[in-house]
């Protein structure tokens, strides 16, 4: 379970970086370094999500593949504590 939460933290951080850099690039479209960082986080996020879904199941009911039968309902719902993590633990 600990690896699952650590991977989820990495996904959240990567998604945040993607969003933050996208907002920056909206006003600084010629910043090559920012574009390179954005592209890095796009690829990192994609890899982290694929790894999570291979090991722990669907991350999204709209953007994830599901084996038969439908798997989304087998995961904790977003408002359940098992689906979330505490940033206060272990330096987060």
C-alpha atoms as a PDB file:
ATOM      1  CA  UNK A   1       0.000   0.000   0.000  1.00  0.00           C
ATOM      2  CA  UNK A   2       2.897   2.391   0.716  1.00  0.00           C
ATOM      3  CA  UNK A   3       4.244   2.086  -2.843  1.00  0.00           C
ATOM      4  CA  UNK A   4       0.777   2.833  -4.185  1.00  0.00           C
ATOM      5  CA  UNK A   5       0.564   6.086  -2.228  1.00  0.00           C
ATOM      6  CA  UNK A   6       4.129   7.087  -3.134  1.00  0.00           C
ATOM      7  CA  UNK A   7       3.346   6.550  -6.809  1.00  0.00           C
ATOM      8  CA  UNK A   8       0.133   8.546  -6.441  1.00  0.00           C
ATOM      9  CA  UNK A   9       2.106  11.415  -4.874  1.00  0.00           C
ATOM     10  CA  UNK A  10       4.508  11.395  -7.823  1.00  0.00           C
ATOM     11  CA  UNK A  11       1.584  11.500 -10.246  1.00  0.00           C
ATOM     12  CA  UNK A  12      -0.001  14.440  -8.446  1.00  0.00           C
ATOM     13  CA  UNK A  13       3.308  16.331  -8.373  1.00  0.00           C
ATOM     14  CA  UNK A  14       3.947  15.647 -12.061  1.00  0.00           C
ATOM     15  CA  UNK A  15       0.430  16.746 -13.007  1.00  0.00           C
ATOM     16  CA  UNK A  16       0.878  19.938 -10.975  1.00  0.00           C
ATOM     17  CA  UNK A  17       4.140  20.721 -12.754  1.00  0.00           C
ATOM     18  CA  UNK A  18       2.481  20.136 -16.143  1.00  0.00           C
ATOM     19  CA  UNK A  19      -0.370  22.494 -15.294  1.00  0.00           C
ATOM     20  CA  UNK A  20       1.906  25.148 -13.818  1.00  0.00           C
ATOM     21  CA  UNK A  21       4.231  25.108 -16.824  1.00  0.00           C
ATOM     22  CA  UNK A  22       1.278  25.191 -19.252  1.00  0.00           C
ATOM     23  CA  UNK A  23      -0.032  28.337 -17.552  1.00  0.00           C
ATOM     24  CA  UNK A  24       3.422  29.909 -17.728  1.00  0.00           C
ATOM     25  CA  UNK A  25       3.789  28.989 -21.403  1.00  0.00           C
ATOM     26  CA  UNK A  26       0.488  30.700 -22.197  1.00  0.00           C
ATOM     27  CA  UNK A  27       2.234  33.994 -21.477  1.00  0.00           C
ATOM     28  CA  UNK A  28       5.808  32.972 -22.431  1.00  0.00           C
ATOM     29  CA  UNK A  29       5.409  30.812 -25.568  1.00  0.00           C
ATOM     30  CA  UNK A  30       9.009  31.331 -26.731  1.00  0.00           C
ATOM     31  CA  UNK A  31      10.663  29.958 -23.566  1.00  0.00           C
ATOM     32  CA  UNK A  32      12.460  26.867 -24.890  1.00  0.00           C
ATOM     33  CA  UNK A  33      13.597  25.711 -21.445  1.00  0.00           C
ATOM     34  CA  UNK A  34      10.027  25.821 -20.118  1.00  0.00           C
ATOM     35  CA  UNK A  35       8.791  23.898 -23.165  1.00  0.00           C
ATOM     36  CA  UNK A  36      11.444  21.227 -22.577  1.00  0.00           C
ATOM     37  CA  UNK A  37      10.416  20.955 -18.914  1.00  0.00           C
ATOM     38  CA  UNK A  38       6.742  20.784 -19.875  1.00  0.00           C
ATOM     39  CA  UNK A  39       7.451  17.993 -22.359  1.00  0.00           C
ATOM     40  CA  UNK A  40       9.465  16.132 -19.718  1.00  0.00           C
ATOM     41  CA  UNK A  41       6.565  16.242 -17.254  1.00  0.00           C
ATOM     42  CA  UNK A  42       4.075  15.181 -19.937  1.00  0.00           C
ATOM     43  CA  UNK A  43       6.137  12.051 -20.599  1.00  0.00           C
ATOM     44  CA  UNK A  44       6.852  11.449 -16.903  1.00  0.00           C
ATOM     45  CA  UNK A  45       3.182  11.763 -16.018  1.00  0.00           C
ATOM     46  CA  UNK A  46       2.183   9.372 -18.784  1.00  0.00           C
ATOM     47  CA  UNK A  47       4.705   6.775 -17.584  1.00  0.00           C
ATOM     48  CA  UNK A  48       3.727   7.126 -13.928  1.00  0.00           C
ATOM     49  CA  UNK A  49       0.038   6.741 -14.773  1.00  0.00           C
ATOM     50  CA  UNK A  50       0.697   3.663 -16.890  1.00  0.00           C
ATOM     51  CA  UNK A  51       2.722   2.133 -14.063  1.00  0.00           C
ATOM     52  CA  UNK A  52       0.012   2.916 -11.508  1.00  0.00           C
ATOM     53  CA  UNK A  53      -2.765   1.477 -13.643  1.00  0.00           C
ATOM     54  CA  UNK A  54      -0.807  -1.709 -14.412  1.00  0.00           C
ATOM     55  CA  UNK A  55      -0.249  -2.324 -10.702  1.00  0.00           C
ATOM     56  CA  UNK A  56      -3.222  -0.770  -8.916  1.00  0.00           C
ATOM     57  CA  UNK A  57      -6.101  -0.206 -11.340  1.00  0.00           C
ATOM     58  CA  UNK A  58      -7.833   2.663 -13.060  1.00  0.00           C
ATOM     59  CA  UNK A  59      -7.001   6.270 -12.168  1.00  0.00           C
ATOM     60  CA  UNK A  60      -9.919   7.793 -14.042  1.00  0.00           C
ATOM     61  CA  UNK A  61     -13.232   6.523 -15.274  1.00  0.00           C
ATOM     62  CA  UNK A  62     -12.812   8.537 -18.482  1.00  0.00           C
ATOM     63  CA  UNK A  63      -9.138   8.184 -19.459  1.00  0.00           C
ATOM     64  CA  UNK A  64      -8.205   4.687 -18.359  1.00  0.00           C
ATOM     65  CA  UNK A  65      -8.614   1.326 -20.043  1.00  0.00           C
ATOM     66  CA  UNK A  66     -10.591  -1.267 -18.144  1.00  0.00           C
ATOM     67  CA  UNK A  67     -10.445  -5.035 -18.357  1.00  0.00           C
ATOM     68  CA  UNK A  68     -13.700  -6.954 -18.213  1.00  0.00           C
ATOM     69  CA  UNK A  69     -15.690  -6.508 -16.030  1.00  0.00           C
ATOM     70  CA  UNK A  70     -15.719  -2.742 -15.520  1.00  0.00           C
ATOM     71  CA  UNK A  71     -13.015  -1.965 -12.936  1.00  0.00           C
ATOM     72  CA  UNK A  72     -13.618   1.651 -11.922  1.00  0.00           C
ATOM     73  CA  UNK A  73     -16.089   0.649  -9.224  1.00  0.00           C
ATOM     74  CA  UNK A  74     -13.488  -1.604  -7.563  1.00  0.00           C
ATOM     75  CA  UNK A  75     -11.263   1.307  -6.517  1.00  0.00           C
ATOM     76  CA  UNK A  76     -11.855   3.526  -3.520  1.00  0.00           C
ATOM     77  CA  UNK A  77     -13.948   6.547  -4.440  1.00  0.00           C
ATOM     78  CA  UNK A  78     -12.076   9.897  -4.422  1.00  0.00           C
ATOM     79  CA  UNK A  79     -13.677  10.989  -1.136  1.00  0.00           C
ATOM     80  CA  UNK A  80     -12.646   7.796   0.692  1.00  0.00           C
ATOM     81  CA  UNK A  81      -9.482   7.995   2.790  1.00  0.00           C
ATOM     82  CA  UNK A  82      -7.906   5.014   0.986  1.00  0.00           C
ATOM     83  CA  UNK A  83      -7.898   7.045  -2.243  1.00  0.00           C
ATOM     84  CA  UNK A  84      -5.993   9.945  -0.702  1.00  0.00           C
ATOM     85  CA  UNK A  85      -2.751  10.609   1.090  1.00  0.00           C
ATOM     86  CA  UNK A  86      -1.569  12.846   3.886  1.00  0.00           C
ATOM     87  CA  UNK A  87       1.083  15.396   2.869  1.00  0.00           C
ATOM     88  CA  UNK A  88       2.209  15.652   6.484  1.00  0.00           C
ATOM     89  CA  UNK A  89       3.631  12.123   6.496  1.00  0.00           C
ATOM     90  CA  UNK A  90       7.293  11.469   5.623  1.00  0.00           C
ATOM     91  CA  UNK A  91       8.281  14.996   4.672  1.00  0.00           C
ATOM     92  CA  UNK A  92       5.450  15.680   2.231  1.00  0.00           C
END
